Amino acid sequence: MKKEKYSTNKRLVSAMAMFLISTAMLGTASYAWFTMNRAVTVTGMTMKTTVDSNLQIDDAAPLNGGEWSAGTFATNDSTFKNATRQTITDEVLVPVSTINGYSYWFTDPDNVMGNGDAVSDAYTAYTLGALQAKYGTTVTHGYLDYHFVLKATNTTSTAQKVVLNKLDMTYTAAASETDTDKAWRVAILGKKFESATVNGAKTLPDIGTAGATVTKIYTPSGAANFTAGKAVKTATTLDTVTYASAAADSEIFTVTANSTEYFEVVMRVWIEGEDTTCYTGLFNDLQNGTWALDAGFELAANTANGVSNITMH
């Protein structure tokens, strides 16, 4: 990774969302990839998911302040519906980097020279404790999760696909602001966990820490990392990250013919520190408006209606 890529402006804030999120971003500045001076609070982040016919959705528990954690999912079929909503408030986020959607890295705020270059390619594995040790206890996350269960009912004699058919991010400016950032990333982590009626407490698969059988990472159209196609892999190295790029990448699950199946899903959103638009100058101008991410799923025979990028508005 070239040191030139790190500028003093490489700091920003993150607000995340997964499905239809309305995020009010308050404050006057942001956290940086390397240096830290001012903080931004993400407040009132409302996440709403909608699904099409033959798909239903239910909130999954537990949540750990917006990040996935192990536990059980207590429900019955009557709790599934066509849309659900979660609200996460008062979060302070720092840009992170990942090649796989579950192992995240950040850098020491002191690992930067006066001209903004990185002193060395040195990264720390993300945990909340490690992040707060470097950036202070006002920081709450490197990413946020929206955690839910999908119920798919396939009434046909052939296998069907659960397809991501919408992933739009909109910035509604409070003044004459223009959003040109492409640093947002959305990962979908998922795994099938029940093939029978869900009643009572069920143990969810461990998909938050590398246990997912499905991992897709989506970027805005035209997004680019400083080192082409790469993000942080280890404490000292970068590696290639596979981003969704074709309609086939919109397929999340396959549902067996004539069956009802259940899938645990975590939708994870963050600001990618390696993105070329991850810098203070851009995000400092985007502090007064609101963000919304509108996503949807359908059960279909093919991916004709699928999407492979975040569409920025």
C-alpha atoms as a PDB file:
ATOM      1  CA  MET A   1       0.000   0.000   0.000  1.00  0.00           C
ATOM      2  CA  LYS A   2       1.435   3.361  -0.967  1.00  0.00           C
ATOM      3  CA  LYS A   3       1.946   5.772   1.853  1.00  0.00           C
ATOM      4  CA  GLU A   4       0.816   8.681  -0.337  1.00  0.00           C
ATOM      5  CA  LYS A   5      -2.701   7.467  -0.066  1.00  0.00           C
ATOM      6  CA  TYR A   6      -3.086   8.623   3.502  1.00  0.00           C
ATOM      7  CA  SER A   7      -3.875  12.306   3.748  1.00  0.00           C
ATOM      8  CA  THR A   8      -4.718  14.238   6.848  1.00  0.00           C
ATOM      9  CA  ASN A   9      -8.203  14.477   5.507  1.00  0.00           C
ATOM     10  CA  LYS A  10      -8.597  10.689   5.621  1.00  0.00           C
ATOM     11  CA  ARG A  11     -11.063  10.836   8.417  1.00  0.00           C
ATOM     12  CA  LEU A  12     -14.648  10.667   8.328  1.00  0.00           C
ATOM     13  CA  VAL A  13     -17.611   9.578   9.992  1.00  0.00           C
ATOM     14  CA  SER A  14     -19.889   6.803   9.316  1.00  0.00           C
ATOM     15  CA  ALA A  15     -23.504   6.427   9.420  1.00  0.00           C
ATOM     16  CA  MET A  16     -24.880   3.170   8.418  1.00  0.00           C
ATOM     17  CA  ALA A  17     -27.997   1.613   7.462  1.00  0.00           C
ATOM     18  CA  MET A  18     -29.318  -1.452   5.986  1.00  0.00           C
ATOM     19  CA  PHE A  19     -32.603  -1.503   4.250  1.00  0.00           C
ATOM     20  CA  LEU A  20     -34.524   1.735   4.621  1.00  0.00           C
ATOM     21  CA  ILE A  21     -32.463   3.776   7.000  1.00  0.00           C
ATOM     22  CA  SER A  22     -32.991   7.283   7.949  1.00  0.00           C
ATOM     23  CA  THR A  23     -29.841   8.558   9.593  1.00  0.00           C
ATOM     24  CA  ALA A  24     -29.438  11.972  11.091  1.00  0.00           C
ATOM     25  CA  MET A  25     -25.798  12.941  11.321  1.00  0.00           C
ATOM     26  CA  LEU A  26     -25.035  15.578  13.921  1.00  0.00           C
ATOM     27  CA  GLY A  27     -21.817  17.380  14.677  1.00  0.00           C
ATOM     28  CA  THR A  28     -19.399  19.454  12.722  1.00  0.00           C
ATOM     29  CA  ALA A  29     -16.631  17.060  11.763  1.00  0.00           C
ATOM     30  CA  SER A  30     -15.600  13.467  11.603  1.00  0.00           C
ATOM     31  CA  TYR A  31     -13.221  10.768  12.663  1.00  0.00           C
ATOM     32  CA  ALA A  32     -10.319  10.024  10.402  1.00  0.00           C
ATOM     33  CA  TRP A  33      -8.763   6.862   9.076  1.00  0.00           C
ATOM     34  CA  PHE A  34      -5.517   7.766  10.823  1.00  0.00           C
ATOM     35  CA  THR A  35      -5.671  11.056  12.678  1.00  0.00           C
ATOM     36  CA  MET A  36      -8.379  12.144  15.069  1.00  0.00           C
ATOM     37  CA  ASN A  37      -9.532  15.600  15.957  1.00  0.00           C
ATOM     38  CA  ARG A  38     -13.284  15.933  15.944  1.00  0.00           C
ATOM     39  CA  ALA A  39     -16.126  13.471  16.331  1.00  0.00           C
ATOM     40  CA  VAL A  40     -19.510  13.016  14.708  1.00  0.00           C
ATOM     41  CA  THR A  41     -22.491  11.350  16.278  1.00  0.00           C
ATOM     42  CA  VAL A  42     -24.828   9.252  14.183  1.00  0.00           C
ATOM     43  CA  THR A  43     -28.246   9.526  15.730  1.00  0.00           C
ATOM     44  CA  GLY A  44     -31.694   8.211  14.932  1.00  0.00           C
ATOM     45  CA  MET A  45     -30.614   5.563  12.475  1.00  0.00           C
ATOM     46  CA  THR A  46     -33.827   3.832  11.533  1.00  0.00           C
ATOM     47  CA  MET A  47     -33.456   0.634   9.540  1.00  0.00           C
ATOM     48  CA  LYS A  48     -36.412  -0.713   7.622  1.00  0.00           C
ATOM     49  CA  THR A  49     -36.467  -3.787   5.396  1.00  0.00           C
ATOM     50  CA  THR A  50     -39.113  -4.742   2.886  1.00  0.00           C
ATOM     51  CA  VAL A  51     -39.574  -8.040   1.051  1.00  0.00           C
ATOM     52  CA  ASP A  52     -41.722  -9.168  -1.871  1.00  0.00           C
ATOM     53  CA  SER A  53     -44.287 -11.963  -2.054  1.00  0.00           C
ATOM     54  CA  ASN A  54     -43.393 -15.404  -0.730  1.00  0.00           C
ATOM     55  CA  LEU A  55     -40.764 -13.815   1.500  1.00  0.00           C
ATOM     56  CA  GLN A  56     -41.311 -12.663   5.074  1.00  0.00           C
ATOM     57  CA  ILE A  57     -38.991 -11.069   7.602  1.00  0.00           C
ATOM     58  CA  ASP A  58     -38.592 -10.912  11.367  1.00  0.00           C
ATOM     59  CA  ASP A  59     -36.107  -9.140  13.630  1.00  0.00           C
ATOM     60  CA  ALA A  60     -33.373 -11.400  14.950  1.00  0.00           C
ATOM     61  CA  ALA A  61     -32.027 -11.206  18.482  1.00  0.00           C
ATOM     62  CA  PRO A  62     -29.805 -10.508  20.153  1.00  0.00           C
ATOM     63  CA  LEU A  63     -28.206  -7.240  19.104  1.00  0.00           C
ATOM     64  CA  ASN A  64     -25.164  -5.854  20.865  1.00  0.00           C
ATOM     65  CA  GLY A  65     -25.391  -2.102  20.426  1.00  0.00           C
ATOM     66  CA  GLY A  66     -25.811  -2.558  16.705  1.00  0.00           C
ATOM     67  CA  GLU A  67     -23.261  -5.337  16.237  1.00  0.00           C
ATOM     68  CA  TRP A  68     -24.020  -9.030  15.842  1.00  0.00           C
ATOM     69  CA  SER A  69     -23.582 -11.263  18.867  1.00  0.00           C
ATOM     70  CA  ALA A  70     -24.277 -14.931  19.515  1.00  0.00           C
ATOM     71  CA  GLY A  71     -27.541 -16.069  21.047  1.00  0.00           C
ATOM     72  CA  THR A  72     -30.988 -17.396  20.293  1.00  0.00           C
ATOM     73  CA  PHE A  73     -33.885 -16.298  18.140  1.00  0.00           C
ATOM     74  CA  ALA A  74     -37.238 -16.585  19.897  1.00  0.00           C
ATOM     75  CA  THR A  75     -40.261 -16.325  17.655  1.00  0.00           C
ATOM     76  CA  ASN A  76     -43.086 -18.166  15.971  1.00  0.00           C
ATOM     77  CA  ASP A  77     -44.386 -17.999  12.426  1.00  0.00           C
ATOM     78  CA  SER A  78     -46.994 -15.385  13.322  1.00  0.00           C
ATOM     79  CA  THR A  79     -44.280 -12.787  13.975  1.00  0.00           C
ATOM     80  CA  PHE A  80     -43.024 -12.768  10.384  1.00  0.00           C
ATOM     81  CA  LYS A  81     -44.159  -9.878   8.222  1.00  0.00           C
ATOM     82  CA  ASN A  82     -43.406  -7.982   5.013  1.00  0.00           C
ATOM     83  CA  ALA A  83     -41.300  -5.261   6.641  1.00  0.00           C
ATOM     84  CA  THR A  84     -39.494  -4.601   9.899  1.00  0.00           C
ATOM     85  CA  ARG A  85     -37.650  -1.706  11.463  1.00  0.00           C
ATOM     86  CA  GLN A  86     -34.791  -1.150  13.921  1.00  0.00           C
ATOM     87  CA  THR A  87     -33.483   2.141  15.263  1.00  0.00           C
ATOM     88  CA  ILE A  88     -29.930   2.607  16.541  1.00  0.00           C
ATOM     89  CA  THR A  89     -29.097   5.964  18.082  1.00  0.00           C
ATOM     90  CA  ASP A  90     -26.107   8.014  19.192  1.00  0.00           C
ATOM     91  CA  GLU A  91     -23.321   6.052  17.536  1.00  0.00           C
ATOM     92  CA  VAL A  92     -19.817   7.386  16.826  1.00  0.00           C
ATOM     93  CA  LEU A  93     -18.064   5.456  14.074  1.00  0.00           C
ATOM     94  CA  VAL A  94     -14.496   5.225  12.778  1.00  0.00           C
ATOM     95  CA  PRO A  95     -13.569   4.060   9.238  1.00  0.00           C
ATOM     96  CA  VAL A  96     -12.362   0.478   9.060  1.00  0.00           C
ATOM     97  CA  SER A  97     -11.163  -1.880   6.327  1.00  0.00           C
ATOM     98  CA  THR A  98     -11.906  -5.521   5.463  1.00  0.00           C
ATOM     99  CA  ILE A  99     -11.479  -8.021   2.650  1.00  0.00           C
ATOM    100  CA  ASN A 100     -14.187 -10.426   3.832  1.00  0.00           C
ATOM    101  CA  GLY A 101     -16.926  -8.606   5.767  1.00  0.00           C
ATOM    102  CA  TYR A 102     -16.110 -10.001   9.207  1.00  0.00           C
ATOM    103  CA  SER A 103     -12.407  -9.374   9.957  1.00  0.00           C
ATOM    104  CA  TYR A 104     -11.945  -5.615  10.242  1.00  0.00           C
ATOM    105  CA  TRP A 105      -8.845  -3.476  10.762  1.00  0.00           C
ATOM    106  CA  PHE A 106      -8.100   0.109  11.715  1.00  0.00           C
ATOM    107  CA  THR A 107      -4.933   2.126  12.136  1.00  0.00           C
ATOM    108  CA  ASP A 108      -3.405   4.006  15.053  1.00  0.00           C
ATOM    109  CA  PRO A 109      -4.291   7.721  14.946  1.00  0.00           C
ATOM    110  CA  ASP A 110      -0.609   8.472  15.635  1.00  0.00           C
ATOM    111  CA  ASN A 111       0.539   6.481  12.612  1.00  0.00           C
ATOM    112  CA  VAL A 112       0.678   9.520  10.368  1.00  0.00           C
ATOM    113  CA  MET A 113       3.249  12.178   9.583  1.00  0.00           C
ATOM    114  CA  GLY A 114       2.573  15.870   9.508  1.00  0.00           C
ATOM    115  CA  ASN A 115       2.058  15.813   5.742  1.00  0.00           C
ATOM    116  CA  GLY A 116      -0.542  13.067   6.031  1.00  0.00           C
ATOM    117  CA  ASP A 117       1.550  10.130   4.819  1.00  0.00           C
ATOM    118  CA  ALA A 118       1.407   6.899   6.809  1.00  0.00           C
ATOM    119  CA  VAL A 119       4.468   6.311   8.921  1.00  0.00           C
ATOM    120  CA  SER A 120       4.114   2.577   8.288  1.00  0.00           C
ATOM    121  CA  ASP A 121       1.609   0.028   7.056  1.00  0.00           C
ATOM    122  CA  ALA A 122       0.508  -0.966  10.540  1.00  0.00           C
ATOM    123  CA  TYR A 123      -3.051  -2.015  11.460  1.00  0.00           C
ATOM    124  CA  THR A 124      -4.905  -3.274  14.504  1.00  0.00           C
ATOM    125  CA  ALA A 125      -7.590  -5.959  14.453  1.00  0.00           C
ATOM    126  CA  TYR A 126     -10.936  -4.346  15.189  1.00  0.00           C
ATOM    127  CA  THR A 127     -12.592  -4.901  18.526  1.00  0.00           C
ATOM    128  CA  LEU A 128     -14.503  -2.208  20.320  1.00  0.00           C
ATOM    129  CA  GLY A 129     -12.000  -2.237  23.196  1.00  0.00           C
ATOM    130  CA  ALA A 130      -9.016  -1.905  20.858  1.00  0.00           C
ATOM    131  CA  LEU A 131     -10.706   0.888  18.921  1.00  0.00           C
ATOM    132  CA  GLN A 132     -11.597   2.839  22.059  1.00  0.00           C
ATOM    133  CA  ALA A 133      -8.066   2.418  23.395  1.00  0.00           C
ATOM    134  CA  LYS A 134      -6.844   4.387  20.368  1.00  0.00           C
ATOM    135  CA  TYR A 135      -9.736   6.749  19.669  1.00  0.00           C
ATOM    136  CA  GLY A 136     -11.405   7.216  23.053  1.00  0.00           C
ATOM    137  CA  THR A 137     -14.501   5.838  24.698  1.00  0.00           C
ATOM    138  CA  THR A 138     -16.848   8.144  22.807  1.00  0.00           C
ATOM    139  CA  VAL A 139     -16.328   5.894  19.787  1.00  0.00           C
ATOM    140  CA  THR A 140     -18.986   3.175  19.699  1.00  0.00           C
ATOM    141  CA  HIS A 141     -18.376   1.124  16.536  1.00  0.00           C
ATOM    142  CA  GLY A 142     -16.413   0.494  13.386  1.00  0.00           C
ATOM    143  CA  TYR A 143     -19.571  -0.823  11.692  1.00  0.00           C
ATOM    144  CA  LEU A 144     -23.226  -1.418  12.491  1.00  0.00           C
ATOM    145  CA  ASP A 145     -25.360  -4.494  11.884  1.00  0.00           C
ATOM    146  CA  TYR A 146     -28.987  -4.998  11.004  1.00  0.00           C
ATOM    147  CA  HIS A 147     -29.870  -8.536  12.061  1.00  0.00           C
ATOM    148  CA  PHE A 148     -32.939 -10.425  10.841  1.00  0.00           C
ATOM    149  CA  VAL A 149     -34.414 -13.730   9.726  1.00  0.00           C
ATOM    150  CA  LEU A 150     -35.963 -14.350   6.313  1.00  0.00           C
ATOM    151  CA  LYS A 151     -38.724 -16.898   5.798  1.00  0.00           C
ATOM    152  CA  ALA A 152     -38.917 -18.086   2.179  1.00  0.00           C
ATOM    153  CA  THR A 153     -41.887 -20.090   0.922  1.00  0.00           C
ATOM    154  CA  ASN A 154     -41.278 -21.747  -2.432  1.00  0.00           C
ATOM    155  CA  THR A 155     -44.521 -23.135  -3.846  1.00  0.00           C
ATOM    156  CA  THR A 156     -43.011 -24.116  -7.207  1.00  0.00           C
ATOM    157  CA  SER A 157     -41.563 -27.432  -8.368  1.00  0.00           C
ATOM    158  CA  THR A 158     -38.137 -25.895  -9.044  1.00  0.00           C
ATOM    159  CA  ALA A 159     -35.579 -24.208  -6.824  1.00  0.00           C
ATOM    160  CA  GLN A 160     -35.965 -20.442  -6.378  1.00  0.00           C
ATOM    161  CA  LYS A 161     -33.479 -17.717  -5.487  1.00  0.00           C
ATOM    162  CA  VAL A 162     -33.585 -15.067  -2.759  1.00  0.00           C
ATOM    163  CA  VAL A 163     -32.428 -12.036  -4.731  1.00  0.00           C
ATOM    164  CA  LEU A 164     -31.311  -8.586  -3.599  1.00  0.00           C
ATOM    165  CA  ASN A 165     -33.356  -6.368  -5.928  1.00  0.00           C
ATOM    166  CA  LYS A 166     -32.746  -2.921  -4.450  1.00  0.00           C
ATOM    167  CA  LEU A 167     -29.853  -1.185  -2.704  1.00  0.00           C
ATOM    168  CA  ASP A 168     -30.185   2.603  -2.911  1.00  0.00           C
ATOM    169  CA  MET A 169     -28.441   5.121  -0.683  1.00  0.00           C
ATOM    170  CA  THR A 170     -29.764   8.671  -0.611  1.00  0.00           C
ATOM    171  CA  TYR A 171     -28.289  11.753   1.003  1.00  0.00           C
ATOM    172  CA  THR A 172     -30.865  14.448   1.660  1.00  0.00           C
ATOM    173  CA  ALA A 173     -28.947  17.679   2.043  1.00  0.00           C
ATOM    174  CA  ALA A 174     -29.875  20.231   4.680  1.00  0.00           C
ATOM    175  CA  ALA A 175     -28.227  22.988   2.639  1.00  0.00           C
ATOM    176  CA  SER A 176     -26.415  23.243  -0.687  1.00  0.00           C
ATOM    177  CA  GLU A 177     -24.399  20.061  -0.087  1.00  0.00           C
ATOM    178  CA  THR A 178     -23.480  17.569  -2.785  1.00  0.00           C
ATOM    179  CA  ASP A 179     -22.612  14.004  -1.902  1.00  0.00           C
ATOM    180  CA  THR A 180     -19.884  12.576  -4.131  1.00  0.00           C
ATOM    181  CA  ASP A 181     -18.528   9.966  -1.720  1.00  0.00           C
ATOM    182  CA  LYS A 182     -18.284   6.298  -2.698  1.00  0.00           C
ATOM    183  CA  ALA A 183     -16.761   4.984   0.523  1.00  0.00           C
ATOM    184  CA  TRP A 184     -19.869   3.176   1.751  1.00  0.00           C
ATOM    185  CA  ARG A 185     -19.796  -0.608   1.840  1.00  0.00           C
ATOM    186  CA  VAL A 186     -22.604  -3.070   2.585  1.00  0.00           C
ATOM    187  CA  ALA A 187     -21.926  -6.716   3.377  1.00  0.00           C
ATOM    188  CA  ILE A 188     -24.627  -9.366   3.489  1.00  0.00           C
ATOM    189  CA  LEU A 189     -23.714 -12.322   5.701  1.00  0.00           C
ATOM    190  CA  GLY A 190     -26.124 -15.221   5.760  1.00  0.00           C
ATOM    191  CA  LYS A 191     -26.824 -18.863   6.470  1.00  0.00           C
ATOM    192  CA  LYS A 192     -29.765 -21.247   6.305  1.00  0.00           C
ATOM    193  CA  PHE A 193     -30.769 -22.403   9.779  1.00  0.00           C
ATOM    194  CA  GLU A 194     -34.228 -23.979   9.777  1.00  0.00           C
ATOM    195  CA  SER A 195     -36.203 -26.039   7.286  1.00  0.00           C
ATOM    196  CA  ALA A 196     -39.237 -26.447   9.516  1.00  0.00           C
ATOM    197  CA  THR A 197     -41.646 -24.138  11.320  1.00  0.00           C
ATOM    198  CA  VAL A 198     -39.815 -21.873  13.750  1.00  0.00           C
ATOM    199  CA  ASN A 199     -41.467 -21.834  17.149  1.00  0.00           C
ATOM    200  CA  GLY A 200     -39.811 -20.952  20.422  1.00  0.00           C
ATOM    201  CA  ALA A 201     -36.105 -20.311  20.948  1.00  0.00           C
ATOM    202  CA  LYS A 202     -33.750 -21.429  18.202  1.00  0.00           C
ATOM    203  CA  THR A 203     -29.977 -21.226  18.184  1.00  0.00           C
ATOM    204  CA  LEU A 204     -28.801 -18.976  15.383  1.00  0.00           C
ATOM    205  CA  PRO A 205     -25.788 -19.885  13.249  1.00  0.00           C
ATOM    206  CA  ASP A 206     -22.544 -18.100  14.066  1.00  0.00           C
ATOM    207  CA  ILE A 207     -22.526 -15.805  11.040  1.00  0.00           C
ATOM    208  CA  GLY A 208     -21.116 -12.684  12.668  1.00  0.00           C
ATOM    209  CA  THR A 209     -17.599 -14.073  13.088  1.00  0.00           C
ATOM    210  CA  ALA A 210     -16.809 -15.991   9.902  1.00  0.00           C
ATOM    211  CA  GLY A 211     -19.564 -18.603  10.171  1.00  0.00           C
ATOM    212  CA  ALA A 212     -21.631 -17.358   7.231  1.00  0.00           C
ATOM    213  CA  THR A 213     -22.054 -19.564   4.183  1.00  0.00           C
ATOM    214  CA  VAL A 214     -22.934 -16.490   2.119  1.00  0.00           C
ATOM    215  CA  THR A 215     -20.866 -13.316   2.105  1.00  0.00           C
ATOM    216  CA  LYS A 216     -21.432 -10.591  -0.476  1.00  0.00           C
ATOM    217  CA  ILE A 217     -19.907  -7.106  -0.336  1.00  0.00           C
ATOM    218  CA  TYR A 218     -21.487  -4.273  -2.299  1.00  0.00           C
ATOM    219  CA  THR A 219     -19.983  -0.918  -3.267  1.00  0.00           C
ATOM    220  CA  PRO A 220     -21.345   2.195  -4.931  1.00  0.00           C
ATOM    221  CA  SER A 221     -20.955   2.172  -8.710  1.00  0.00           C
ATOM    222  CA  GLY A 222     -17.532   3.537  -9.611  1.00  0.00           C
ATOM    223  CA  ALA A 223     -15.994   3.050  -6.158  1.00  0.00           C
ATOM    224  CA  ALA A 224     -12.216   2.583  -6.074  1.00  0.00           C
ATOM    225  CA  ASN A 225      -9.668   1.751  -3.376  1.00  0.00           C
ATOM    226  CA  PHE A 226      -6.261   3.416  -3.120  1.00  0.00           C
ATOM    227  CA  THR A 227      -4.532   0.163  -4.003  1.00  0.00           C
ATOM    228  CA  ALA A 228      -6.709  -1.155  -6.814  1.00  0.00           C
ATOM    229  CA  GLY A 229      -9.081  -3.852  -5.623  1.00  0.00           C
ATOM    230  CA  LYS A 230      -7.417  -4.265  -2.244  1.00  0.00           C
ATOM    231  CA  ALA A 231      -8.236  -3.685   1.421  1.00  0.00           C
ATOM    232  CA  VAL A 232      -6.571  -4.533   4.728  1.00  0.00           C
ATOM    233  CA  LYS A 233      -6.024  -8.249   5.399  1.00  0.00           C
ATOM    234  CA  THR A 234      -3.523  -8.419   8.259  1.00  0.00           C
ATOM    235  CA  ALA A 235      -1.613  -6.162  10.620  1.00  0.00           C
ATOM    236  CA  THR A 236       0.846  -5.309   7.840  1.00  0.00           C
ATOM    237  CA  THR A 237      -0.678  -6.333   4.506  1.00  0.00           C
ATOM    238  CA  LEU A 238      -3.436  -5.677   2.002  1.00  0.00           C
ATOM    239  CA  ASP A 239      -5.078  -8.246  -0.236  1.00  0.00           C
ATOM    240  CA  THR A 240      -7.675  -8.510  -2.957  1.00  0.00           C
ATOM    241  CA  VAL A 241     -11.288  -8.060  -1.906  1.00  0.00           C
ATOM    242  CA  THR A 242     -14.056  -9.528  -4.052  1.00  0.00           C
ATOM    243  CA  TYR A 243     -16.825  -6.993  -4.525  1.00  0.00           C
ATOM    244  CA  ALA A 244     -20.151  -7.791  -6.172  1.00  0.00           C
ATOM    245  CA  SER A 245     -20.011  -6.795  -9.828  1.00  0.00           C
ATOM    246  CA  ALA A 246     -22.604  -8.767 -11.804  1.00  0.00           C
ATOM    247  CA  ALA A 247     -26.301  -9.616 -11.619  1.00  0.00           C
ATOM    248  CA  ALA A 248     -25.418 -13.115 -10.399  1.00  0.00           C
ATOM    249  CA  ASP A 249     -23.959 -11.509  -7.255  1.00  0.00           C
ATOM    250  CA  SER A 250     -27.474 -10.472  -6.221  1.00  0.00           C
ATOM    251  CA  GLU A 251     -28.361 -14.097  -5.419  1.00  0.00           C
ATOM    252  CA  ILE A 252     -28.190 -14.520  -1.645  1.00  0.00           C
ATOM    253  CA  PHE A 253     -29.786 -17.955  -1.066  1.00  0.00           C
ATOM    254  CA  THR A 254     -31.308 -20.861  -2.968  1.00  0.00           C
ATOM    255  CA  VAL A 255     -34.662 -22.182  -1.712  1.00  0.00           C
ATOM    256  CA  THR A 256     -35.536 -25.842  -2.325  1.00  0.00           C
ATOM    257  CA  ALA A 257     -38.599 -26.653  -4.457  1.00  0.00           C
ATOM    258  CA  ASN A 258     -41.908 -26.956  -2.598  1.00  0.00           C
ATOM    259  CA  SER A 259     -40.460 -25.957   0.757  1.00  0.00           C
ATOM    260  CA  THR A 260     -40.374 -23.282   3.418  1.00  0.00           C
ATOM    261  CA  GLU A 261     -36.880 -22.391   4.632  1.00  0.00           C
ATOM    262  CA  TYR A 262     -35.420 -19.911   7.111  1.00  0.00           C
ATOM    263  CA  PHE A 263     -32.234 -17.886   6.790  1.00  0.00           C
ATOM    264  CA  GLU A 264     -30.364 -15.749   9.267  1.00  0.00           C
ATOM    265  CA  VAL A 265     -29.011 -12.531   7.752  1.00  0.00           C
ATOM    266  CA  VAL A 266     -26.725  -9.772   8.995  1.00  0.00           C
ATOM    267  CA  MET A 267     -26.548  -6.667   6.836  1.00  0.00           C
ATOM    268  CA  ARG A 268     -23.355  -4.846   7.813  1.00  0.00           C
ATOM    269  CA  VAL A 269     -22.538  -1.284   6.761  1.00  0.00           C
ATOM    270  CA  TRP A 270     -19.308   0.672   7.185  1.00  0.00           C
ATOM    271  CA  ILE A 271     -17.072   3.342   5.682  1.00  0.00           C
ATOM    272  CA  GLU A 272     -14.150   1.699   3.902  1.00  0.00           C
ATOM    273  CA  GLY A 273     -10.934   3.418   4.973  1.00  0.00           C
ATOM    274  CA  GLU A 274      -9.150   2.325   1.793  1.00  0.00           C
ATOM    275  CA  ASP A 275     -11.676   4.025  -0.490  1.00  0.00           C
ATOM    276  CA  THR A 276     -10.277   7.016  -2.364  1.00  0.00           C
ATOM    277  CA  THR A 277     -13.214   9.210  -1.272  1.00  0.00           C
ATOM    278  CA  CYS A 278     -12.708   8.457   2.425  1.00  0.00           C
ATOM    279  CA  TYR A 279     -11.412  11.864   3.463  1.00  0.00           C
ATOM    280  CA  THR A 280     -12.330  14.713   5.746  1.00  0.00           C
ATOM    281  CA  GLY A 281     -12.817  17.411   3.139  1.00  0.00           C
ATOM    282  CA  LEU A 282     -15.675  15.518   1.526  1.00  0.00           C
ATOM    283  CA  PHE A 283     -17.452  14.266   4.618  1.00  0.00           C
ATOM    284  CA  ASN A 284     -17.102  17.539   6.516  1.00  0.00           C
ATOM    285  CA  ASP A 285     -19.496  18.977   3.945  1.00  0.00           C
ATOM    286  CA  LEU A 286     -22.054  16.252   4.639  1.00  0.00           C
ATOM    287  CA  GLN A 287     -22.835  16.809   8.297  1.00  0.00           C
ATOM    288  CA  ASN A 288     -26.237  18.453   8.279  1.00  0.00           C
ATOM    289  CA  GLY A 289     -28.394  16.231   6.090  1.00  0.00           C
ATOM    290  CA  THR A 290     -29.784  12.716   6.451  1.00  0.00           C
ATOM    291  CA  TRP A 291     -28.834   9.363   4.955  1.00  0.00           C
ATOM    292  CA  ALA A 292     -31.210   6.610   3.873  1.00  0.00           C
ATOM    293  CA  LEU A 293     -30.459   3.140   2.554  1.00  0.00           C
ATOM    294  CA  ASP A 294     -33.370   1.423   0.862  1.00  0.00           C
ATOM    295  CA  ALA A 295     -32.949  -2.294   0.195  1.00  0.00           C
ATOM    296  CA  GLY A 296     -35.266  -5.092  -0.758  1.00  0.00           C
ATOM    297  CA  PHE A 297     -35.397  -8.824  -1.525  1.00  0.00           C
ATOM    298  CA  GLU A 298     -37.500 -11.016  -3.783  1.00  0.00           C
ATOM    299  CA  LEU A 299     -37.978 -14.744  -4.313  1.00  0.00           C
ATOM    300  CA  ALA A 300     -37.521 -15.429  -8.022  1.00  0.00           C
ATOM    301  CA  ALA A 301     -36.470 -18.016 -10.583  1.00  0.00           C
ATOM    302  CA  ASN A 302     -33.503 -15.906 -11.727  1.00  0.00           C
ATOM    303  CA  THR A 303     -31.517 -12.756 -10.971  1.00  0.00           C
ATOM    304  CA  ALA A 304     -32.967 -10.639 -13.786  1.00  0.00           C
ATOM    305  CA  ASN A 305     -34.104  -7.992 -11.280  1.00  0.00           C
ATOM    306  CA  GLY A 306     -31.017  -8.258  -9.094  1.00  0.00           C
ATOM    307  CA  VAL A 307     -28.598  -5.461  -8.255  1.00  0.00           C
ATOM    308  CA  SER A 308     -24.825  -5.673  -7.745  1.00  0.00           C
ATOM    309  CA  ASN A 309     -24.019  -2.141  -6.569  1.00  0.00           C
ATOM    310  CA  ILE A 310     -25.165   0.508  -4.124  1.00  0.00           C
ATOM    311  CA  THR A 311     -26.881   3.238  -6.129  1.00  0.00           C
ATOM    312  CA  MET A 312     -26.030   6.654  -4.687  1.00  0.00           C
ATOM    313  CA  HIS A 313     -28.541   9.516  -4.886  1.00  0.00           C
END
